[in-house]
């Protein structure tokens, strides 16, 4: 919070409003998830809502980012403005898919042995970060930030979608596939 204000990225009112919004959403989701028995429908509603928000925000950016004189869309502005939304949406989709996969196929249980849990955590972080950087390198071969020039809306869109896919993959692997690995090797 302080770093955002120190760097001049946000005012105190921005940070307080964001914190308050975060608390309201967290408490609302807490209430929702403690009251609902079958969370599948809730997850679907959240995923559809997030998808609608992502598409609506993307369309809004498309219509508000063209230069007044040339009419050319600023691809860098679109990517920079939406990359966080697309990454976090991908992480949410990965969370819901990973949770469903883990519940249906893995049914992972925690050990009470501290060193085993620590080992799982360290390897899990390493694997997820490895996947993150590997996918970034692979996706960078398809489209990279140097291609975000004025008018290159398709490049910005493709980068946003690949970022979403990368974060979705990272979280899905961390929540769904990674526990399956430990279950199969019995660590």
C-alpha atoms as a PDB file:
ATOM      1  CA  UNK A   1       0.000   0.000   0.000  1.00  0.00           C
ATOM      2  CA  UNK A   2       2.710   2.451   0.937  1.00  0.00           C
ATOM      3  CA  UNK A   3       4.867   1.509  -2.041  1.00  0.00           C
ATOM      4  CA  UNK A   4       2.040   2.314  -4.485  1.00  0.00           C
ATOM      5  CA  UNK A   5       1.749   5.810  -3.027  1.00  0.00           C
ATOM      6  CA  UNK A   6       5.526   6.287  -2.703  1.00  0.00           C
ATOM      7  CA  UNK A   7       6.031   5.397  -6.362  1.00  0.00           C
ATOM      8  CA  UNK A   8       3.277   7.804  -7.366  1.00  0.00           C
ATOM      9  CA  UNK A   9       1.186   5.047  -8.927  1.00  0.00           C
ATOM     10  CA  UNK A  10      -1.828   5.729  -6.682  1.00  0.00           C
ATOM     11  CA  UNK A  11      -3.219   8.276  -4.248  1.00  0.00           C
ATOM     12  CA  UNK A  12      -4.210   7.450  -0.678  1.00  0.00           C
ATOM     13  CA  UNK A  13      -7.875   7.487  -1.735  1.00  0.00           C
ATOM     14  CA  UNK A  14      -7.129   4.882  -4.470  1.00  0.00           C
ATOM     15  CA  UNK A  15      -5.384   2.585  -2.025  1.00  0.00           C
ATOM     16  CA  UNK A  16      -8.063   2.924   0.642  1.00  0.00           C
ATOM     17  CA  UNK A  17     -10.862   2.361  -1.881  1.00  0.00           C
ATOM     18  CA  UNK A  18      -9.067  -0.702  -3.270  1.00  0.00           C
ATOM     19  CA  UNK A  19      -8.508  -2.094   0.217  1.00  0.00           C
ATOM     20  CA  UNK A  20     -12.127  -1.508   1.171  1.00  0.00           C
ATOM     21  CA  UNK A  21     -13.339  -3.127  -2.043  1.00  0.00           C
ATOM     22  CA  UNK A  22     -11.073  -6.108  -1.371  1.00  0.00           C
ATOM     23  CA  UNK A  23     -12.466  -6.515   2.135  1.00  0.00           C
ATOM     24  CA  UNK A  24     -16.062  -6.264   0.909  1.00  0.00           C
ATOM     25  CA  UNK A  25     -15.468  -8.865  -1.814  1.00  0.00           C
ATOM     26  CA  UNK A  26     -13.565 -11.186   0.541  1.00  0.00           C
ATOM     27  CA  UNK A  27     -16.319 -11.019   3.157  1.00  0.00           C
ATOM     28  CA  UNK A  28     -19.007 -11.471   0.507  1.00  0.00           C
ATOM     29  CA  UNK A  29     -17.291 -14.560  -0.905  1.00  0.00           C
ATOM     30  CA  UNK A  30     -16.758 -15.870   2.617  1.00  0.00           C
ATOM     31  CA  UNK A  31     -20.485 -15.599   3.286  1.00  0.00           C
ATOM     32  CA  UNK A  32     -21.324 -17.107  -0.076  1.00  0.00           C
ATOM     33  CA  UNK A  33     -19.035 -20.110   0.304  1.00  0.00           C
ATOM     34  CA  UNK A  34     -20.054 -20.857   3.895  1.00  0.00           C
ATOM     35  CA  UNK A  35     -23.759 -20.884   2.975  1.00  0.00           C
ATOM     36  CA  UNK A  36     -23.587 -22.851  -0.284  1.00  0.00           C
ATOM     37  CA  UNK A  37     -23.204 -26.620  -0.016  1.00  0.00           C
ATOM     38  CA  UNK A  38     -22.529 -27.457  -3.684  1.00  0.00           C
ATOM     39  CA  UNK A  39     -19.975 -24.945  -4.899  1.00  0.00           C
ATOM     40  CA  UNK A  40     -20.019 -26.116  -8.532  1.00  0.00           C
ATOM     41  CA  UNK A  41     -22.836 -23.775  -9.557  1.00  0.00           C
ATOM     42  CA  UNK A  42     -21.216 -20.906  -7.646  1.00  0.00           C
ATOM     43  CA  UNK A  43     -17.898 -21.504  -9.424  1.00  0.00           C
ATOM     44  CA  UNK A  44     -19.658 -21.509 -12.785  1.00  0.00           C
ATOM     45  CA  UNK A  45     -21.461 -18.254 -12.042  1.00  0.00           C
ATOM     46  CA  UNK A  46     -18.196 -16.633 -10.959  1.00  0.00           C
ATOM     47  CA  UNK A  47     -16.368 -17.890 -14.063  1.00  0.00           C
ATOM     48  CA  UNK A  48     -19.112 -16.624 -16.381  1.00  0.00           C
ATOM     49  CA  UNK A  49     -19.156 -13.274 -14.560  1.00  0.00           C
ATOM     50  CA  UNK A  50     -15.381 -12.941 -14.882  1.00  0.00           C
ATOM     51  CA  UNK A  51     -15.542 -13.843 -18.581  1.00  0.00           C
ATOM     52  CA  UNK A  52     -18.220 -11.186 -19.162  1.00  0.00           C
ATOM     53  CA  UNK A  53     -16.153  -8.587 -17.285  1.00  0.00           C
ATOM     54  CA  UNK A  54     -13.029  -9.468 -19.281  1.00  0.00           C
ATOM     55  CA  UNK A  55     -14.824  -9.234 -22.635  1.00  0.00           C
ATOM     56  CA  UNK A  56     -16.630  -6.006 -21.698  1.00  0.00           C
ATOM     57  CA  UNK A  57     -13.414  -4.387 -20.480  1.00  0.00           C
ATOM     58  CA  UNK A  58     -11.564  -5.498 -23.605  1.00  0.00           C
ATOM     59  CA  UNK A  59     -14.272  -4.022 -25.863  1.00  0.00           C
ATOM     60  CA  UNK A  60     -14.216  -0.805 -23.832  1.00  0.00           C
ATOM     61  CA  UNK A  61     -10.453  -0.539 -24.304  1.00  0.00           C
ATOM     62  CA  UNK A  62     -10.800  -1.130 -28.036  1.00  0.00           C
ATOM     63  CA  UNK A  63     -13.141   1.817 -28.409  1.00  0.00           C
ATOM     64  CA  UNK A  64     -11.277   4.211 -26.125  1.00  0.00           C
ATOM     65  CA  UNK A  65      -7.631   3.779 -27.108  1.00  0.00           C
ATOM     66  CA  UNK A  66      -7.391   5.182 -30.605  1.00  0.00           C
ATOM     67  CA  UNK A  67      -5.383   8.315 -31.272  1.00  0.00           C
ATOM     68  CA  UNK A  68      -7.638  11.268 -32.028  1.00  0.00           C
ATOM     69  CA  UNK A  69      -5.616  12.423 -35.054  1.00  0.00           C
ATOM     70  CA  UNK A  70      -4.844   9.103 -36.742  1.00  0.00           C
ATOM     71  CA  UNK A  71      -7.607   6.787 -35.519  1.00  0.00           C
ATOM     72  CA  UNK A  72      -4.944   4.091 -34.959  1.00  0.00           C
ATOM     73  CA  UNK A  73      -5.370   1.974 -31.839  1.00  0.00           C
ATOM     74  CA  UNK A  74      -2.541   1.985 -29.318  1.00  0.00           C
ATOM     75  CA  UNK A  75      -1.707  -1.719 -28.856  1.00  0.00           C
ATOM     76  CA  UNK A  76       0.775  -1.051 -26.031  1.00  0.00           C
ATOM     77  CA  UNK A  77      -1.892   0.821 -24.060  1.00  0.00           C
ATOM     78  CA  UNK A  78      -4.368  -2.033 -24.522  1.00  0.00           C
ATOM     79  CA  UNK A  79      -1.841  -4.638 -23.403  1.00  0.00           C
ATOM     80  CA  UNK A  80      -0.524  -2.642 -20.443  1.00  0.00           C
ATOM     81  CA  UNK A  81      -4.020  -1.735 -19.288  1.00  0.00           C
ATOM     82  CA  UNK A  82      -5.479  -5.221 -19.536  1.00  0.00           C
ATOM     83  CA  UNK A  83      -2.601  -7.608 -18.816  1.00  0.00           C
ATOM     84  CA  UNK A  84      -3.295  -7.747 -15.068  1.00  0.00           C
ATOM     85  CA  UNK A  85      -6.989  -8.451 -15.654  1.00  0.00           C
ATOM     86  CA  UNK A  86      -6.246 -11.226 -18.145  1.00  0.00           C
ATOM     87  CA  UNK A  87      -3.554 -12.810 -15.949  1.00  0.00           C
ATOM     88  CA  UNK A  88      -5.712 -12.809 -12.823  1.00  0.00           C
ATOM     89  CA  UNK A  89      -8.729 -14.086 -14.768  1.00  0.00           C
ATOM     90  CA  UNK A  90      -6.580 -16.903 -16.103  1.00  0.00           C
ATOM     91  CA  UNK A  91      -5.442 -17.679 -12.562  1.00  0.00           C
ATOM     92  CA  UNK A  92      -9.087 -17.813 -11.444  1.00  0.00           C
ATOM     93  CA  UNK A  93     -10.036 -20.137 -14.292  1.00  0.00           C
ATOM     94  CA  UNK A  94      -7.020 -22.310 -13.442  1.00  0.00           C
ATOM     95  CA  UNK A  95      -8.070 -22.353  -9.802  1.00  0.00           C
ATOM     96  CA  UNK A  96     -11.603 -23.506 -10.568  1.00  0.00           C
ATOM     97  CA  UNK A  97     -10.460 -26.108 -13.115  1.00  0.00           C
ATOM     98  CA  UNK A  98      -7.640 -27.313 -10.849  1.00  0.00           C
ATOM     99  CA  UNK A  99      -9.944 -27.565  -7.845  1.00  0.00           C
ATOM    100  CA  UNK A 100     -12.505 -29.568  -9.824  1.00  0.00           C
ATOM    101  CA  UNK A 101      -9.790 -31.857 -11.223  1.00  0.00           C
ATOM    102  CA  UNK A 102      -8.205 -32.380  -7.801  1.00  0.00           C
ATOM    103  CA  UNK A 103     -11.561 -33.138  -6.200  1.00  0.00           C
ATOM    104  CA  UNK A 104     -12.562 -35.613  -8.927  1.00  0.00           C
ATOM    105  CA  UNK A 105      -9.267 -37.347  -9.737  1.00  0.00           C
ATOM    106  CA  UNK A 106      -6.679 -36.759  -7.009  1.00  0.00           C
ATOM    107  CA  UNK A 107      -8.369 -36.388  -3.603  1.00  0.00           C
ATOM    108  CA  UNK A 108      -5.092 -35.233  -2.101  1.00  0.00           C
ATOM    109  CA  UNK A 109      -4.493 -35.339   1.661  1.00  0.00           C
ATOM    110  CA  UNK A 110      -1.942 -33.447   3.741  1.00  0.00           C
ATOM    111  CA  UNK A 111       0.752 -35.167   5.756  1.00  0.00           C
ATOM    112  CA  UNK A 112       1.383 -34.261   9.348  1.00  0.00           C
ATOM    113  CA  UNK A 113       5.121 -34.596   8.713  1.00  0.00           C
ATOM    114  CA  UNK A 114       6.569 -31.079   8.498  1.00  0.00           C
ATOM    115  CA  UNK A 115       9.534 -31.879   6.240  1.00  0.00           C
ATOM    116  CA  UNK A 116       7.295 -33.592   3.682  1.00  0.00           C
ATOM    117  CA  UNK A 117       4.987 -30.579   3.543  1.00  0.00           C
ATOM    118  CA  UNK A 118       7.974 -28.248   3.250  1.00  0.00           C
ATOM    119  CA  UNK A 119       9.413 -30.397   0.453  1.00  0.00           C
ATOM    120  CA  UNK A 120       6.090 -30.334  -1.379  1.00  0.00           C
ATOM    121  CA  UNK A 121       5.883 -26.564  -1.026  1.00  0.00           C
ATOM    122  CA  UNK A 122       9.416 -25.909  -2.283  1.00  0.00           C
ATOM    123  CA  UNK A 123       9.065 -28.239  -5.269  1.00  0.00           C
ATOM    124  CA  UNK A 124       5.588 -26.908  -5.987  1.00  0.00           C
ATOM    125  CA  UNK A 125       6.799 -23.311  -6.157  1.00  0.00           C
ATOM    126  CA  UNK A 126       9.749 -24.367  -8.315  1.00  0.00           C
ATOM    127  CA  UNK A 127       7.537 -26.282 -10.740  1.00  0.00           C
ATOM    128  CA  UNK A 128       4.934 -23.518 -11.026  1.00  0.00           C
ATOM    129  CA  UNK A 129       7.593 -20.843 -11.564  1.00  0.00           C
ATOM    130  CA  UNK A 130       9.328 -23.094 -14.090  1.00  0.00           C
ATOM    131  CA  UNK A 131       6.067 -23.494 -15.985  1.00  0.00           C
ATOM    132  CA  UNK A 132       5.552 -19.728 -15.846  1.00  0.00           C
ATOM    133  CA  UNK A 133       8.911 -18.906 -17.406  1.00  0.00           C
ATOM    134  CA  UNK A 134       8.838 -21.802 -19.865  1.00  0.00           C
ATOM    135  CA  UNK A 135       5.418 -20.793 -21.182  1.00  0.00           C
ATOM    136  CA  UNK A 136       6.488 -17.141 -21.338  1.00  0.00           C
ATOM    137  CA  UNK A 137       9.474 -18.135 -23.493  1.00  0.00           C
ATOM    138  CA  UNK A 138       7.388 -20.411 -25.725  1.00  0.00           C
ATOM    139  CA  UNK A 139       4.595 -17.855 -26.103  1.00  0.00           C
ATOM    140  CA  UNK A 140       7.232 -15.175 -26.759  1.00  0.00           C
ATOM    141  CA  UNK A 141       8.132 -17.081 -29.931  1.00  0.00           C
ATOM    142  CA  UNK A 142       4.559 -16.548 -31.126  1.00  0.00           C
ATOM    143  CA  UNK A 143       4.240 -12.863 -30.242  1.00  0.00           C
ATOM    144  CA  UNK A 144       6.446 -10.586 -28.160  1.00  0.00           C
ATOM    145  CA  UNK A 145       6.312  -7.104 -26.679  1.00  0.00           C
ATOM    146  CA  UNK A 146       8.287  -5.616 -29.570  1.00  0.00           C
ATOM    147  CA  UNK A 147       5.281  -6.296 -31.788  1.00  0.00           C
ATOM    148  CA  UNK A 148       3.044  -3.962 -29.760  1.00  0.00           C
ATOM    149  CA  UNK A 149       3.130  -1.048 -32.157  1.00  0.00           C
ATOM    150  CA  UNK A 150       0.298   1.328 -33.003  1.00  0.00           C
ATOM    151  CA  UNK A 151      -2.421  -0.487 -34.884  1.00  0.00           C
ATOM    152  CA  UNK A 152      -1.278  -3.983 -33.851  1.00  0.00           C
ATOM    153  CA  UNK A 153      -4.457  -4.788 -31.944  1.00  0.00           C
ATOM    154  CA  UNK A 154      -4.307  -8.472 -32.891  1.00  0.00           C
ATOM    155  CA  UNK A 155      -0.808  -8.755 -31.397  1.00  0.00           C
ATOM    156  CA  UNK A 156      -1.991  -7.157 -28.148  1.00  0.00           C
ATOM    157  CA  UNK A 157      -5.046  -9.421 -28.081  1.00  0.00           C
ATOM    158  CA  UNK A 158      -2.978 -12.534 -28.728  1.00  0.00           C
ATOM    159  CA  UNK A 159      -0.516 -11.562 -25.988  1.00  0.00           C
ATOM    160  CA  UNK A 160      -3.385 -11.028 -23.557  1.00  0.00           C
ATOM    161  CA  UNK A 161      -4.920 -14.412 -24.379  1.00  0.00           C
ATOM    162  CA  UNK A 162      -1.562 -16.161 -24.075  1.00  0.00           C
ATOM    163  CA  UNK A 163      -0.962 -14.483 -20.703  1.00  0.00           C
ATOM    164  CA  UNK A 164      -4.371 -15.707 -19.567  1.00  0.00           C
ATOM    165  CA  UNK A 165      -3.561 -19.226 -20.762  1.00  0.00           C
ATOM    166  CA  UNK A 166      -0.139 -19.133 -19.063  1.00  0.00           C
ATOM    167  CA  UNK A 167      -1.562 -18.175 -15.675  1.00  0.00           C
ATOM    168  CA  UNK A 168      -4.406 -20.638 -16.046  1.00  0.00           C
ATOM    169  CA  UNK A 169      -1.870 -23.383 -16.748  1.00  0.00           C
ATOM    170  CA  UNK A 170       0.331 -22.401 -13.827  1.00  0.00           C
ATOM    171  CA  UNK A 171      -2.495 -22.489 -11.299  1.00  0.00           C
ATOM    172  CA  UNK A 172      -4.065 -25.636 -12.756  1.00  0.00           C
ATOM    173  CA  UNK A 173      -0.728 -27.439 -12.511  1.00  0.00           C
ATOM    174  CA  UNK A 174      -0.154 -26.170  -8.982  1.00  0.00           C
ATOM    175  CA  UNK A 175      -3.597 -27.174  -7.721  1.00  0.00           C
ATOM    176  CA  UNK A 176      -4.504 -30.171  -9.883  1.00  0.00           C
ATOM    177  CA  UNK A 177      -1.536 -31.895 -11.474  1.00  0.00           C
ATOM    178  CA  UNK A 178       1.133 -31.241  -8.878  1.00  0.00           C
ATOM    179  CA  UNK A 179      -0.768 -33.007  -6.060  1.00  0.00           C
ATOM    180  CA  UNK A 180      -1.354 -35.903  -8.445  1.00  0.00           C
ATOM    181  CA  UNK A 181       2.419 -36.208  -8.881  1.00  0.00           C
ATOM    182  CA  UNK A 182       2.994 -36.365  -5.119  1.00  0.00           C
ATOM    183  CA  UNK A 183       0.178 -38.809  -4.645  1.00  0.00           C
ATOM    184  CA  UNK A 184       1.601 -41.114  -7.309  1.00  0.00           C
ATOM    185  CA  UNK A 185       5.142 -41.071  -5.825  1.00  0.00           C
ATOM    186  CA  UNK A 186       3.743 -41.186  -2.247  1.00  0.00           C
ATOM    187  CA  UNK A 187       5.685 -38.287  -0.796  1.00  0.00           C
END
